[in-house]
Amino acid sequence: MSDAWTHRETLTRLCTVPIGGVVEADWDLGSFAMEARILKPLLWFGLLECRNEKSAINRVNDRRFYRKNPLFDRLIKFDVQIEQPTARH
């Protein structure tokens, strides 16, 4: 996760493995679940910041953007190693 403001849909695509039924659904359940189960708890614990962009149409279309704050990096650290694909002969 970067320090830039990022929308929940983008974070969902970056942090999860896409599943056809979820990606192709009419309702974006994957991003809703990501926000409800991961982003909001991190916000409550003070590890993320949230910013709302108001919609001109209605409140339902408001967009929330998240970014990590300095406490995030002090508390959570990932050591991700990407394996090189094996060569096929």
Foldseek 3Di string as FASTA:
>chain_A
DAQDWAFLVVVLVVPDDDDVVQVPDPDNVSSVCCCVPPVVVCVVVVQKDKDWDDDPPDRVPITITIGGDPVNCVVDDDDDDDDDDDDDD
